[in-house]
């Protein structure tokens, strides 16, 4: 049995779709492509997709993750769909909780609730919200949403919302309730709030140098907060977000990543108001992202499935263990190349961590270890069949029961063993 702070089972995998889109493309095409991506992830067996909420700056074009999830749910079967994340200061908690529970029923329990204070200062500015107050506002709203979802009647008065004997009409779809998580980057605020309510932790910047450096400190803050409020911290409820783009070779992956990396550079420069010297060329940006940050791996893993496996193993060791890895969806590669990256990850990376091929490997090892015995038995059966047939027909049996096809003896033995039939 694993200790309480250790993941209970094999890693789970999903995607975190902000999304990021260049401003030179059709937004309607881009949103439709995001919906198609979630359907593709579902078909490949990914377990989760988280959808962001943003209202300004032009690149992250989904304003309502709930609307997107409602559409995606109608075209998928098993993938779970999360709001990644709802910016709580932008919503009255009763209305948000009510929407989430309705969506929970529409998706037959596949929805997850992600909470955060809001990422873009430009969003808050347009609504007259002081960015310095956003974390405190998130704490107020999160307390109300969690209590409402758990079936409490809530009366609360803050300087920005009022609840007067508020309650939800519907319970969550599943008896276990609605799964919830709080976003965390560098500040421990998200970790403290997640621990306060005994809900999951969503580390959005696990590959960024500052976010990576804060991982263990944020987990420690989460454990401490959980203990203070009577909850058990479970690493199985910890999700880490990491950017990756895979191809058959490293050279091919880097060449593909140059396709859209400048869009991300322009977005960062636009938000920060500064020019990034390493981002003047696509090649320079790819080089920076694959060499800076995590030792030997860079901020982003741009390479092969083997590179992805090595990165996840190193991240597991550095963090002490977590439950779910989410691939940060970026415009790396053409749409076709990006889909291929997700396919390579699903086919070759996921089985490494889930142990999907352990029984296959064990079966092959057993067959190999007993090959002489098995092939000998097959050869005896073949010889007996030939002998019986010649006795029935009166023909003279060939002294070699294996037909002379010109094939090497080991190939004939393999054929006798049933290979290729």
Foldseek 3Di string as FASTA:
>chain_A
DDPQAAAPAFAAEAAEPLDFAFQVDDPVVVLVLVLVVLLLCLVLPHAEYEYEADDDLRTRPDHDQLVSLLVSLVNHDHHAYEHPADQQVVDQLLVVLQSQQVSLVSNLNRYAYEYELDDAPVRCVVVVHDPVCSLVSSLVSVVVSLCQQVFHQDADDDPRDTGDSDHHPDHHNDPVTHAYEYEDAQDLSRLLSCLQSVHAYEYEQCLAQRRVVRLQVSLVNNCVNVVVNVYGNYQLRYEYEAAEAADAFLVVQLVQQLPFLLSVQVSVCVRVVHHDVQSPGSNSSSVQQQPDGDHNGGRYHRGHLVSVQVVVVVSCVSNVHHHYYHHYDYPRGDSVSRSVRSSRCSPRVSCVRNVPCVVVVVVVVVCVVCVVVLLVVLLVVLVVVQVVVCVVVVHDGDPRSQDPPVDDPVVSSVVSSVPPD
